[in-house]
Every structure is written in C-alpha cells, then in structure tokens.
PDB file of all heavy atoms in Angstrom:
ATOM      1  N   ASP A   1      18.439 -12.538-111.010  1.00  0.00           N
ATOM      2  CA  ASP A   1      18.956 -11.269-110.517  1.00  0.00           C
ATOM      3  C   ASP A   1      19.938 -10.775-111.564  1.00  0.00           C
ATOM      4  O   ASP A   1      20.999 -11.377-111.761  1.00  0.00           O
ATOM      5  CB  ASP A   1      19.650 -11.470-109.164  1.00  0.00           C
ATOM      6  CG  ASP A   1      20.203 -10.171-108.584  1.00  0.00           C
ATOM      7  OD1 ASP A   1      20.314  -9.175-109.324  1.00  0.00           O
ATOM      8  OD2 ASP A   1      20.549 -10.161-107.396  1.00  0.00           O
ATOM      9  N   GLU A   2      19.595  -9.700-112.263  1.00  0.00           N
ATOM     10  CA  GLU A   2      20.441  -9.266-113.364  1.00  0.00           C
ATOM     11  C   GLU A   2      21.829  -8.826-112.909  1.00  0.00           C
ATOM     12  O   GLU A   2      22.765  -8.784-113.707  1.00  0.00           O
ATOM     13  CB  GLU A   2      19.780  -8.125-114.146  1.00  0.00           C
ATOM     14  CG  GLU A   2      19.648  -6.820-113.385  1.00  0.00           C
ATOM     15  CD  GLU A   2      19.155  -5.683-114.270  1.00  0.00           C
ATOM     16  OE1 GLU A   2      18.850  -5.935-115.450  1.00  0.00           O
ATOM     17  OE2 GLU A   2      19.094  -4.539-113.775  1.00  0.00           O
ATOM     18  N   ASP A   3      21.995  -8.525-111.624  1.00  0.00           N
ATOM     19  CA  ASP A   3      23.291  -8.115-111.090  1.00  0.00           C
ATOM     20  C   ASP A   3      24.084  -9.273-110.498  1.00  0.00           C
ATOM     21  O   ASP A   3      25.138  -9.055-109.892  1.00  0.00           O
ATOM     22  CB  ASP A   3      23.101  -7.040-110.010  1.00  0.00           C
ATOM     23  CG  ASP A   3      22.550  -5.738-110.574  1.00  0.00           C
ATOM     24  OD1 ASP A   3      23.042  -5.300-111.630  1.00  0.00           O
ATOM     25  OD2 ASP A   3      21.618  -5.182-109.964  1.00  0.00           O
ATOM     26  N   PHE A   4      23.596 -10.497-110.689  1.00  0.00           N
ATOM     27  CA  PHE A   4      24.240 -11.649-110.064  1.00  0.00           C
ATOM     28  C   PHE A   4      25.717 -11.758-110.425  1.00  0.00           C
ATOM     29  O   PHE A   4      26.557 -12.049-109.569  1.00  0.00           O
ATOM     30  CB  PHE A   4      23.504 -12.931-110.454  1.00  0.00           C
ATOM     31  CG  PHE A   4      24.298 -14.189-110.229  1.00  0.00           C
ATOM     32  CD1 PHE A   4      24.634 -14.586-108.945  1.00  0.00           C
ATOM     33  CD2 PHE A   4      24.721 -14.972-111.296  1.00  0.00           C
ATOM     34  CE1 PHE A   4      25.371 -15.740-108.724  1.00  0.00           C
ATOM     35  CE2 PHE A   4      25.458 -16.125-111.090  1.00  0.00           C
ATOM     36  CZ  PHE A   4      25.789 -16.503-109.803  1.00  0.00           C
ATOM     37  N   LEU A   5      26.076 -11.556-111.686  1.00  0.00           N
ATOM     38  CA  LEU A   5      27.466 -11.735-112.102  1.00  0.00           C
ATOM     39  C   LEU A   5      28.394 -10.792-111.352  1.00  0.00           C
ATOM     40  O   LEU A   5      29.481 -11.184-110.911  1.00  0.00           O
ATOM     41  CB  LEU A   5      27.598 -11.525-113.612  1.00  0.00           C
ATOM     42  CG  LEU A   5      26.849 -12.531-114.487  1.00  0.00           C
ATOM     43  CD1 LEU A   5      26.938 -12.131-115.952  1.00  0.00           C
ATOM     44  CD2 LEU A   5      27.395 -13.938-114.279  1.00  0.00           C
ATOM     45  N   THR A   6      27.975  -9.553-111.201  1.00  0.00           N
ATOM     46  CA  THR A   6      28.793  -8.592-110.464  1.00  0.00           C
ATOM     47  C   THR A   6      28.846  -8.964-108.988  1.00  0.00           C
ATOM     48  O   THR A   6      29.903  -8.902-108.349  1.00  0.00           O
ATOM     49  CB  THR A   6      28.233  -7.174-110.633  1.00  0.00           C
ATOM     50  OG1 THR A   6      28.079  -6.897-112.028  1.00  0.00           O
ATOM     51  CG2 THR A   6      29.173  -6.142-110.030  1.00  0.00           C
ATOM     52  N   LYS A   7      27.717  -9.370-108.439  1.00  0.00           N
ATOM     53  CA  LYS A   7      27.690  -9.750-107.024  1.00  0.00           C
ATOM     54  C   LYS A   7      28.596 -10.941-106.745  1.00  0.00           C
ATOM     55  O   LYS A   7      29.324 -10.960-105.742  1.00  0.00           O
ATOM     56  CB  LYS A   7      26.254 -10.076-106.606  1.00  0.00           C
ATOM     57  CG  LYS A   7      25.327  -8.872-106.530  1.00  0.00           C
ATOM     58  CD  LYS A   7      23.909  -9.295-106.167  1.00  0.00           C
ATOM     59  CE  LYS A   7      22.967  -8.100-106.060  1.00  0.00           C
ATOM     60  NZ  LYS A   7      21.580  -8.514-105.757  1.00  0.00           N
ATOM     61  N   VAL A   8      28.581 -11.944-107.616  1.00  0.00           N
ATOM     62  CA  VAL A   8      29.378 -13.129-107.343  1.00  0.00           C
ATOM     63  C   VAL A   8      30.859 -12.827-107.537  1.00  0.00           C
ATOM     64  O   VAL A   8      31.719 -13.400-106.853  1.00  0.00           O
ATOM     65  CB  VAL A   8      28.909 -14.321-108.197  1.00  0.00           C
ATOM     66  CG1 VAL A   8      29.407 -14.237-109.636  1.00  0.00           C
ATOM     67  CG2 VAL A   8      29.329 -15.644-107.557  1.00  0.00           C
ATOM     68  N   TRP A   9      31.198 -11.914-108.460  1.00  0.00           N
ATOM     69  CA  TRP A   9      32.600 -11.499-108.598  1.00  0.00           C
ATOM     70  C   TRP A   9      33.099 -10.903-107.284  1.00  0.00           C
ATOM     71  O   TRP A   9      34.172 -11.271-106.787  1.00  0.00           O
ATOM     72  CB  TRP A   9      32.723 -10.474-109.732  1.00  0.00           C
ATOM     73  CG  TRP A   9      34.125 -10.153-110.156  1.00  0.00           C
ATOM     74  CD1 TRP A   9      34.814 -10.706-111.193  1.00  0.00           C
ATOM     75  CD2 TRP A   9      35.013  -9.175-109.571  1.00  0.00           C
ATOM     76  NE1 TRP A   9      36.074 -10.153-111.280  1.00  0.00           N
ATOM     77  CE2 TRP A   9      36.224  -9.210-110.310  1.00  0.00           C
ATOM     78  CE3 TRP A   9      34.903  -8.291-108.508  1.00  0.00           C
ATOM     79  CZ2 TRP A   9      37.319  -8.380-110.004  1.00  0.00           C
ATOM     80  CZ3 TRP A   9      35.991  -7.459-108.202  1.00  0.00           C
ATOM     81  CH2 TRP A   9      37.166  -7.501-108.933  1.00  0.00           C
ATOM     82  N   TYR A  10      32.308 -10.012-106.706  1.00  0.00           N
ATOM     83  CA  TYR A  10      32.725  -9.368-105.463  1.00  0.00           C
ATOM     84  C   TYR A  10      32.621 -10.313-104.267  1.00  0.00           C
ATOM     85  O   TYR A  10      33.395 -10.191-103.306  1.00  0.00           O
ATOM     86  CB  TYR A  10      31.933  -8.083-105.233  1.00  0.00           C
ATOM     87  CG  TYR A  10      32.497  -6.939-106.039  1.00  0.00           C
ATOM     88  CD1 TYR A  10      31.963  -6.595-107.279  1.00  0.00           C
ATOM     89  CD2 TYR A  10      33.597  -6.224-105.586  1.00  0.00           C
ATOM     90  CE1 TYR A  10      32.506  -5.571-108.037  1.00  0.00           C
ATOM     91  CE2 TYR A  10      34.148  -5.190-106.333  1.00  0.00           C
ATOM     92  CZ  TYR A  10      33.601  -4.869-107.555  1.00  0.00           C
ATOM     93  OH  TYR A  10      34.159  -3.849-108.311  1.00  0.00           O
ATOM     94  N   ALA A  11      31.703 -11.264-104.306  1.00  0.00           N
ATOM     95  CA  ALA A  11      31.636 -12.253-103.230  1.00  0.00           C
ATOM     96  C   ALA A  11      32.900 -13.100-103.207  1.00  0.00           C
ATOM     97  O   ALA A  11      33.442 -13.409-102.132  1.00  0.00           O
ATOM     98  CB  ALA A  11      30.400 -13.140-103.392  1.00  0.00           C
ATOM     99  N   GLY A  12      33.382 -13.485-104.380  1.00  0.00           N
ATOM    100  CA  GLY A  12      34.635 -14.224-104.441  1.00  0.00           C
ATOM    101  C   GLY A  12      35.804 -13.397-103.955  1.00  0.00           C
ATOM    102  O   GLY A  12      36.676 -13.883-103.215  1.00  0.00           O
ATOM    103  N   ALA A  13      35.841 -12.130-104.365  1.00  0.00           N
ATOM    104  CA  ALA A  13      36.915 -11.242-103.923  1.00  0.00           C
ATOM    105  C   ALA A  13      36.905 -11.089-102.409  1.00  0.00           C
ATOM    106  O   ALA A  13      37.956 -11.154-101.745  1.00  0.00           O
ATOM    107  CB  ALA A  13      36.765  -9.880-104.601  1.00  0.00           C
ATOM    108  N   TYR A  14      35.722 -10.892-101.840  1.00  0.00           N
ATOM    109  CA  TYR A  14      35.619 -10.705-100.387  1.00  0.00           C
ATOM    110  C   TYR A  14      35.937 -12.012 -99.647  1.00  0.00           C
ATOM    111  O   TYR A  14      36.543 -11.995 -98.570  1.00  0.00           O
ATOM    112  CB  TYR A  14      34.224 -10.198-100.026  1.00  0.00           C
ATOM    113  CG  TYR A  14      34.059  -9.828 -98.571  1.00  0.00           C
ATOM    114  CD1 TYR A  14      34.951  -8.971 -97.936  1.00  0.00           C
ATOM    115  CD2 TYR A  14      32.997 -10.336 -97.820  1.00  0.00           C
ATOM    116  CE1 TYR A  14      34.795  -8.632 -96.593  1.00  0.00           C
ATOM    117  CE2 TYR A  14      32.828  -9.994 -96.483  1.00  0.00           C
ATOM    118  CZ  TYR A  14      33.736  -9.150 -95.875  1.00  0.00           C
ATOM    119  OH  TYR A  14      33.584  -8.820 -94.549  1.00  0.00           O
ATOM    120  N   THR A  15      35.562 -13.137-100.238  1.00  0.00           N
ATOM    121  CA  THR A  15      35.906 -14.426 -99.645  1.00  0.00           C
ATOM    122  C   THR A  15      37.418 -14.544 -99.472  1.00  0.00           C
ATOM    123  O   THR A  15      37.918 -14.889 -98.392  1.00  0.00           O
ATOM    124  CB  THR A  15      35.381 -15.578-100.515  1.00  0.00           C
ATOM    125  OG1 THR A  15      33.951 -15.519-100.570  1.00  0.00           O
ATOM    126  CG2 THR A  15      35.808 -16.931 -99.968  1.00  0.00           C
ATOM    127  N   VAL A  16      38.164 -14.267-100.536  1.00  0.00           N
ATOM    128  CA  VAL A  16      39.618 -14.377-100.456  1.00  0.00           C
ATOM    129  C   VAL A  16      40.180 -13.353 -99.480  1.00  0.00           C
ATOM    130  O   VAL A  16      41.141 -13.633 -98.749  1.00  0.00           O
ATOM    131  CB  VAL A  16      40.239 -14.209-101.855  1.00  0.00           C
ATOM    132  CG1 VAL A  16      41.761 -14.206-101.789  1.00  0.00           C
ATOM    133  CG2 VAL A  16      39.768 -15.333-102.782  1.00  0.00           C
ATOM    134  N   GLN A  17      39.581 -12.184 -99.419  1.00  0.00           N
ATOM    135  CA  GLN A  17      40.032 -11.168 -98.472  1.00  0.00           C
ATOM    136  C   GLN A  17      39.865 -11.656 -97.029  1.00  0.00           C
ATOM    137  O   GLN A  17      40.755 -11.460 -96.190  1.00  0.00           O
ATOM    138  CB  GLN A  17      39.240  -9.880 -98.704  1.00  0.00           C
ATOM    139  CG  GLN A  17      39.914  -8.627 -98.205  1.00  0.00           C
ATOM    140  CD  GLN A  17      39.160  -7.368 -98.619  1.00  0.00           C
ATOM    141  OE1 GLN A  17      37.975  -7.420 -98.992  1.00  0.00           O
ATOM    142  NE2 GLN A  17      39.833  -6.235 -98.561  1.00  0.00           N
ATOM    143  N   THR A  18      38.749 -12.303 -96.727  1.00  0.00           N
ATOM    144  CA  THR A  18      38.543 -12.812 -95.367  1.00  0.00           C
ATOM    145  C   THR A  18      39.466 -13.979 -95.047  1.00  0.00           C
ATOM    146  O   THR A  18      39.641 -14.333 -93.875  1.00  0.00           O
ATOM    147  CB  THR A  18      37.081 -13.258 -95.143  1.00  0.00           C
ATOM    148  OG1 THR A  18      36.806 -14.415 -95.937  1.00  0.00           O
ATOM    149  CG2 THR A  18      36.101 -12.144 -95.457  1.00  0.00           C
ATOM    150  N   ASN A  19      40.033 -14.593 -96.084  1.00  0.00           N
ATOM    151  CA  ASN A  19      40.964 -15.710 -95.909  1.00  0.00           C
ATOM    152  C   ASN A  19      42.418 -15.253 -95.823  1.00  0.00           C
ATOM    153  O   ASN A  19      43.331 -16.080 -95.796  1.00  0.00           O
ATOM    154  CB  ASN A  19      40.837 -16.704 -97.065  1.00  0.00           C
ATOM    155  CG  ASN A  19      39.494 -17.402 -97.150  1.00  0.00           C
ATOM    156  OD1 ASN A  19      39.262 -18.158 -98.084  1.00  0.00           O
ATOM    157  ND2 ASN A  19      38.589 -17.141 -96.219  1.00  0.00           N
ATOM    158  N   THR A  20      42.642 -13.954 -95.819  1.00  0.00           N
ATOM    159  CA  THR A  20      43.988 -13.384 -95.726  1.00  0.00           C
ATOM    160  C   THR A  20      44.163 -12.869 -94.308  1.00  0.00           C
ATOM    161  O   THR A  20      43.521 -11.897 -93.916  1.00  0.00           O
ATOM    162  CB  THR A  20      44.157 -12.254 -96.759  1.00  0.00           C
ATOM    163  OG1 THR A  20      43.877 -12.768 -98.063  1.00  0.00           O
ATOM    164  CG2 THR A  20      45.561 -11.692 -96.710  1.00  0.00           C
ATOM    165  N   VAL A  21      45.020 -13.526 -93.533  1.00  0.00           N
ATOM    166  CA  VAL A  21      44.946 -13.364 -92.080  1.00  0.00           C
ATOM    167  C   VAL A  21      46.313 -13.046 -91.479  1.00  0.00           C
ATOM    168  O   VAL A  21      47.356 -13.287 -92.096  1.00  0.00           O
ATOM    169  CB  VAL A  21      44.365 -14.641 -91.437  1.00  0.00           C
ATOM    170  CG1 VAL A  21      43.000 -14.964 -92.020  1.00  0.00           C
ATOM    171  CG2 VAL A  21      45.305 -15.835 -91.603  1.00  0.00           C
ATOM    172  N   PRO A  22      46.329 -12.542 -90.235  1.00  0.00           N
ATOM    173  CA  PRO A  22      47.597 -12.313 -89.532  1.00  0.00           C
ATOM    174  C   PRO A  22      48.312 -13.630 -89.242  1.00  0.00           C
ATOM    175  O   PRO A  22      47.691 -14.692 -89.143  1.00  0.00           O
ATOM    176  CB  PRO A  22      47.156 -11.621 -88.233  1.00  0.00           C
ATOM    177  CG  PRO A  22      45.804 -11.063 -88.519  1.00  0.00           C
ATOM    178  CD  PRO A  22      45.172 -12.030 -89.475  1.00  0.00           C
ATOM    179  N   LEU A  23      49.624 -13.542 -89.071  1.00  0.00           N
ATOM    180  CA  LEU A  23      50.466 -14.727 -88.966  1.00  0.00           C
ATOM    181  C   LEU A  23      50.099 -15.622 -87.794  1.00  0.00           C
ATOM    182  O   LEU A  23      50.101 -16.851 -87.916  1.00  0.00           O
ATOM    183  CB  LEU A  23      51.935 -14.291 -88.853  1.00  0.00           C
ATOM    184  CG  LEU A  23      52.978 -15.391 -88.747  1.00  0.00           C
ATOM    185  CD1 LEU A  23      52.953 -16.274 -89.988  1.00  0.00           C
ATOM    186  CD2 LEU A  23      54.366 -14.787 -88.550  1.00  0.00           C
ATOM    187  N   ASP A  24      49.782 -15.063 -86.651  1.00  0.00           N
ATOM    188  CA  ASP A  24      49.584 -15.852 -85.434  1.00  0.00           C
ATOM    189  C   ASP A  24      48.114 -16.038 -85.091  1.00  0.00           C
ATOM    190  O   ASP A  24      47.704 -15.920 -83.937  1.00  0.00           O
ATOM    191  CB  ASP A  24      50.321 -15.203 -84.259  1.00  0.00           C
ATOM    192  CG  ASP A  24      51.823 -15.249 -84.434  1.00  0.00           C
ATOM    193  OD1 ASP A  24      52.333 -16.317 -84.822  1.00  0.00           O
ATOM    194  OD2 ASP A  24      52.484 -14.222 -84.217  1.00  0.00           O
ATOM    195  N   THR A  25      47.309 -16.360 -86.097  1.00  0.00           N
ATOM    196  CA  THR A  25      45.877 -16.556 -85.860  1.00  0.00           C
ATOM    197  C   THR A  25      45.379 -17.870 -86.446  1.00  0.00           C
ATOM    198  O   THR A  25      44.233 -17.995 -86.853  1.00  0.00           O
ATOM    199  CB  THR A  25      45.055 -15.389 -86.441  1.00  0.00           C
ATOM    200  OG1 THR A  25      45.264 -15.329 -87.865  1.00  0.00           O
ATOM    201  CG2 THR A  25      45.441 -14.065 -85.811  1.00  0.00           C
ATOM    202  N   GLY A  26      46.246 -18.890 -86.487  1.00  0.00           N
ATOM    203  CA  GLY A  26      45.846 -20.191 -86.993  1.00  0.00           C
ATOM    204  C   GLY A  26      45.117 -21.018 -85.950  1.00  0.00           C
ATOM    205  O   GLY A  26      45.191 -20.759 -84.748  1.00  0.00           O
ATOM    206  N   ARG A  27      44.407 -22.034 -86.420  1.00  0.00           N
ATOM    207  CA  ARG A  27      43.716 -22.958 -85.514  1.00  0.00           C
ATOM    208  C   ARG A  27      44.745 -23.809 -84.773  1.00  0.00           C
ATOM    209  O   ARG A  27      45.590 -24.463 -85.391  1.00  0.00           O
ATOM    210  CB  ARG A  27      42.760 -23.846 -86.311  1.00  0.00           C
ATOM    211  CG  ARG A  27      42.006 -24.855 -85.460  1.00  0.00           C
ATOM    212  CD  ARG A  27      40.973 -25.634 -86.252  1.00  0.00           C
ATOM    213  NE  ARG A  27      41.529 -26.356 -87.375  1.00  0.00           N
ATOM    214  CZ  ARG A  27      40.924 -27.383 -87.984  1.00  0.00           C
ATOM    215  NH1 ARG A  27      39.735 -27.777 -87.560  1.00  0.00           N
ATOM    216  NH2 ARG A  27      41.474 -27.987 -89.007  1.00  0.00           N
ATOM    217  N   LYS A  28      44.677 -23.798 -83.465  1.00  0.00           N
ATOM    218  CA  LYS A  28      45.662 -24.492 -82.632  1.00  0.00           C
ATOM    219  C   LYS A  28      45.569 -26.004 -82.838  1.00  0.00           C
ATOM    220  O   LYS A  28      44.484 -26.564 -82.906  1.00  0.00           O
ATOM    221  CB  LYS A  28      45.422 -24.142 -81.156  1.00  0.00           C
ATOM    222  CG  LYS A  28      46.465 -24.700 -80.190  1.00  0.00           C
ATOM    223  CD  LYS A  28      47.828 -24.070 -80.362  1.00  0.00           C
ATOM    224  CE  LYS A  28      47.900 -22.644 -79.883  1.00  0.00           C
ATOM    225  NZ  LYS A  28      47.752 -22.507 -78.425  1.00  0.00           N
ATOM    226  N   VAL A  29      46.742 -26.621 -82.966  1.00  0.00           N
ATOM    227  CA  VAL A  29      46.844 -28.080 -83.056  1.00  0.00           C
ATOM    228  C   VAL A  29      47.847 -28.543 -82.000  1.00  0.00           C
ATOM    229  O   VAL A  29      48.950 -27.995 -81.932  1.00  0.00           O
ATOM    230  CB  VAL A  29      47.320 -28.522 -84.454  1.00  0.00           C
ATOM    231  CG1 VAL A  29      47.492 -30.037 -84.508  1.00  0.00           C
ATOM    232  CG2 VAL A  29      46.336 -28.064 -85.527  1.00  0.00           C
ATOM    233  N   PRO A  30      47.522 -29.537 -81.158  1.00  0.00           N
ATOM    234  CA  PRO A  30      46.255 -30.284 -81.079  1.00  0.00           C
ATOM    235  C   PRO A  30      45.061 -29.343 -80.843  1.00  0.00           C
ATOM    236  O   PRO A  30      45.205 -28.291 -80.233  1.00  0.00           O
ATOM    237  CB  PRO A  30      46.454 -31.228 -79.899  1.00  0.00           C
ATOM    238  CG  PRO A  30      47.937 -31.337 -79.732  1.00  0.00           C
ATOM    239  CD  PRO A  30      48.473 -30.008 -80.138  1.00  0.00           C
ATOM    240  N   PHE A  31      43.911 -29.781 -81.350  1.00  0.00           N
ATOM    241  CA  PHE A  31      42.729 -28.934 -81.311  1.00  0.00           C
ATOM    242  C   PHE A  31      42.287 -28.655 -79.879  1.00  0.00           C
ATOM    243  O   PHE A  31      42.536 -29.447 -78.975  1.00  0.00           O
ATOM    244  CB  PHE A  31      41.587 -29.577 -82.102  1.00  0.00           C
ATOM    245  CG  PHE A  31      41.971 -29.915 -83.518  1.00  0.00           C
ATOM    246  CD1 PHE A  31      41.794 -31.193 -84.010  1.00  0.00           C
ATOM    247  CD2 PHE A  31      42.519 -28.951 -84.345  1.00  0.00           C
ATOM    248  CE1 PHE A  31      42.159 -31.502 -85.316  1.00  0.00           C
ATOM    249  CE2 PHE A  31      42.885 -29.250 -85.654  1.00  0.00           C
ATOM    250  CZ  PHE A  31      42.710 -30.532 -86.140  1.00  0.00           C
ATOM    251  N   ALA A  32      41.653 -27.529 -79.706  1.00  0.00           N
ATOM    252  CA  ALA A  32      41.172 -27.138 -78.384  1.00  0.00           C
ATOM    253  C   ALA A  32      40.228 -28.195 -77.828  1.00  0.00           C
ATOM    254  O   ALA A  32      39.529 -28.889 -78.585  1.00  0.00           O
ATOM    255  CB  ALA A  32      40.465 -25.798 -78.473  1.00  0.00           C
ATOM    256  N   PRO A  33      40.166 -28.336 -76.513  1.00  0.00           N
ATOM    257  CA  PRO A  33      39.245 -29.312 -75.907  1.00  0.00           C
ATOM    258  C   PRO A  33      37.790 -29.006 -76.273  1.00  0.00           C
ATOM    259  O   PRO A  33      37.444 -27.860 -76.607  1.00  0.00           O
ATOM    260  CB  PRO A  33      39.478 -29.127 -74.408  1.00  0.00           C
ATOM    261  CG  PRO A  33      40.803 -28.453 -74.293  1.00  0.00           C
ATOM    262  CD  PRO A  33      40.948 -27.604 -75.514  1.00  0.00           C
ATOM    263  N   GLN A  34      36.953 -30.015 -76.235  1.00  0.00           N
ATOM    264  CA  GLN A  34      35.541 -29.820 -76.536  1.00  0.00           C
ATOM    265  C   GLN A  34      34.962 -28.733 -75.641  1.00  0.00           C
ATOM    266  O   GLN A  34      35.249 -28.653 -74.457  1.00  0.00           O
ATOM    267  CB  GLN A  34      34.759 -31.120 -76.352  1.00  0.00           C
ATOM    268  CG  GLN A  34      33.314 -31.013 -76.833  1.00  0.00           C
ATOM    269  CD  GLN A  34      32.691 -32.371 -77.069  1.00  0.00           C
ATOM    270  OE1 GLN A  34      33.340 -33.402 -76.932  1.00  0.00           O
ATOM    271  NE2 GLN A  34      31.415 -32.381 -77.435  1.00  0.00           N
ATOM    272  N   GLY A  35      34.154 -27.875 -76.263  1.00  0.00           N
ATOM    273  CA  GLY A  35      33.567 -26.755 -75.550  1.00  0.00           C
ATOM    274  C   GLY A  35      34.382 -25.484 -75.673  1.00  0.00           C
ATOM    275  O   GLY A  35      34.098 -24.501 -74.973  1.00  0.00           O
ATOM    276  N   SER A  36      35.385 -25.474 -76.594  1.00  0.00           N
ATOM    277  CA  SER A  36      36.227 -24.288 -76.745  1.00  0.00           C
ATOM    278  C   SER A  36      36.863 -24.264 -78.124  1.00  0.00           C
ATOM    279  O   SER A  36      36.704 -25.194 -78.916  1.00  0.00           O
ATOM    280  CB  SER A  36      37.322 -24.272 -75.667  1.00  0.00           C
ATOM    281  OG  SER A  36      38.182 -25.397 -75.815  1.00  0.00           O
ATOM    282  N   TRP A  37      37.569 -23.198 -78.404  1.00  0.00           N
ATOM    283  CA  TRP A  37      38.350 -23.081 -79.636  1.00  0.00           C
ATOM    284  C   TRP A  37      39.548 -22.190 -79.345  1.00  0.00           C
ATOM    285  O   TRP A  37      39.544 -21.393 -78.414  1.00  0.00           O
ATOM    286  CB  TRP A  37      37.498 -22.515 -80.775  1.00  0.00           C
ATOM    287  CG  TRP A  37      37.004 -21.115 -80.527  1.00  0.00           C
ATOM    288  CD1 TRP A  37      37.638 -19.947 -80.818  1.00  0.00           C
ATOM    289  CD2 TRP A  37      35.748 -20.746 -79.928  1.00  0.00           C
ATOM    290  NE1 TRP A  37      36.885 -18.869 -80.441  1.00  0.00           N
ATOM    291  CE2 TRP A  37      35.711 -19.326 -79.891  1.00  0.00           C
ATOM    292  CE3 TRP A  37      34.665 -21.462 -79.420  1.00  0.00           C
ATOM    293  CZ2 TRP A  37      34.631 -18.621 -79.367  1.00  0.00           C
ATOM    294  CZ3 TRP A  37      33.599 -20.754 -78.897  1.00  0.00           C
ATOM    295  CH2 TRP A  37      33.577 -19.352 -78.876  1.00  0.00           C
ATOM    296  N   GLU A  38      40.591 -22.343 -80.170  1.00  0.00           N
ATOM    297  CA  GLU A  38      41.791 -21.523 -80.027  1.00  0.00           C
ATOM    298  C   GLU A  38      42.310 -21.174 -81.415  1.00  0.00           C
ATOM    299  O   GLU A  38      42.496 -22.054 -82.248  1.00  0.00           O
ATOM    300  CB  GLU A  38      42.873 -22.263 -79.232  1.00  0.00           C
ATOM    301  CG  GLU A  38      42.497 -22.563 -77.790  1.00  0.00           C
ATOM    302  CD  GLU A  38      43.587 -23.326 -77.056  1.00  0.00           C
ATOM    303  OE1 GLU A  38      44.779 -23.055 -77.301  1.00  0.00           O
ATOM    304  OE2 GLU A  38      43.240 -24.203 -76.251  1.00  0.00           O
ATOM    305  N   ASN A  39      42.573 -19.897 -81.642  1.00  0.00           N
ATOM    306  CA  ASN A  39      43.073 -19.423 -82.932  1.00  0.00           C
ATOM    307  C   ASN A  39      44.262 -18.492 -82.725  1.00  0.00           C
ATOM    308  O   ASN A  39      44.234 -17.325 -83.113  1.00  0.00           O
ATOM    309  CB  ASN A  39      41.960 -18.697 -83.703  1.00  0.00           C
ATOM    310  CG  ASN A  39      40.979 -19.654 -84.347  1.00  0.00           C
ATOM    311  OD1 ASN A  39      41.382 -20.676 -84.901  1.00  0.00           O
ATOM    312  ND2 ASN A  39      39.692 -19.345 -84.266  1.00  0.00           N
ATOM    313  N   ASP A  40      45.329 -19.032 -82.117  1.00  0.00           N
ATOM    314  CA  ASP A  40      46.523 -18.227 -81.919  1.00  0.00           C
ATOM    315  C   ASP A  40      47.791 -18.970 -82.334  1.00  0.00           C
ATOM    316  O   ASP A  40      48.881 -18.701 -81.836  1.00  0.00           O
ATOM    317  CB  ASP A  40      46.640 -17.760 -80.466  1.00  0.00           C
ATOM    318  CG  ASP A  40      46.727 -18.909 -79.473  1.00  0.00           C
ATOM    319  OD1 ASP A  40      46.539 -20.072 -79.886  1.00  0.00           O
ATOM    320  OD2 ASP A  40      46.985 -18.639 -78.290  1.00  0.00           O
ATOM    321  N   ALA A  41      47.670 -19.921 -83.272  1.00  0.00           N
ATOM    322  CA  ALA A  41      48.820 -20.692 -83.739  1.00  0.00           C
ATOM    323  C   ALA A  41      49.514 -19.978 -84.894  1.00  0.00           C
ATOM    324  O   ALA A  41      48.875 -19.261 -85.669  1.00  0.00           O
ATOM    325  CB  ALA A  41      48.379 -22.086 -84.174  1.00  0.00           C
ATOM    326  N   ARG A  42      50.819 -20.195 -85.016  1.00  0.00           N
ATOM    327  CA  ARG A  42      51.597 -19.578 -86.107  1.00  0.00           C
ATOM    328  C   ARG A  42      51.356 -20.354 -87.398  1.00  0.00           C
ATOM    329  O   ARG A  42      51.386 -21.581 -87.442  1.00  0.00           O
ATOM    330  CB  ARG A  42      53.075 -19.550 -85.756  1.00  0.00           C
ATOM    331  CG  ARG A  42      53.957 -18.985 -86.860  1.00  0.00           C
ATOM    332  CD  ARG A  42      55.178 -18.272 -86.336  1.00  0.00           C
ATOM    333  NE  ARG A  42      54.810 -17.051 -85.636  1.00  0.00           N
ATOM    334  CZ  ARG A  42      55.658 -16.033 -85.427  1.00  0.00           C
ATOM    335  NH1 ARG A  42      56.899 -16.094 -85.867  1.00  0.00           N
ATOM    336  NH2 ARG A  42      55.261 -14.963 -84.776  1.00  0.00           N
ATOM    337  N   LEU A  43      51.170 -19.607 -88.494  1.00  0.00           N
ATOM    338  CA  LEU A  43      50.726 -20.183 -89.759  1.00  0.00           C
ATOM    339  C   LEU A  43      51.830 -20.373 -90.780  1.00  0.00           C
ATOM    340  O   LEU A  43      51.607 -21.012 -91.812  1.00  0.00           O
ATOM    341  CB  LEU A  43      49.634 -19.296 -90.376  1.00  0.00           C
ATOM    342  CG  LEU A  43      48.290 -19.339 -89.651  1.00  0.00           C
ATOM    343  CD1 LEU A  43      47.428 -18.150 -90.040  1.00  0.00           C
ATOM    344  CD2 LEU A  43      47.577 -20.643 -89.967  1.00  0.00           C
TER     345      LEU A  43
END
C-alpha cells in the first residue's frame, strides 16, 4: 500500500489521542467483579 507510511503515522497519532482521557475514568481497583467493568477511578 503506497500510502502505508502516512496511514501508520496517523494511526499512531490517533492511538495516543484515544489514550488521552478525563481524570476520573480510570479502571477501578480492586477490579470489578466478574461479569462487569468499572471505569470511574481517579488517575
């Protein structure tokens, strides 16, 4: 794919963007019970 280099540059940029999050949206510890998840912990 001749555009691969440009695509992977932007894929990396978007990856880091999705990893930039609000303060109170961390994975809760102790972890949520089996069958659930919680993402409201302070980071």
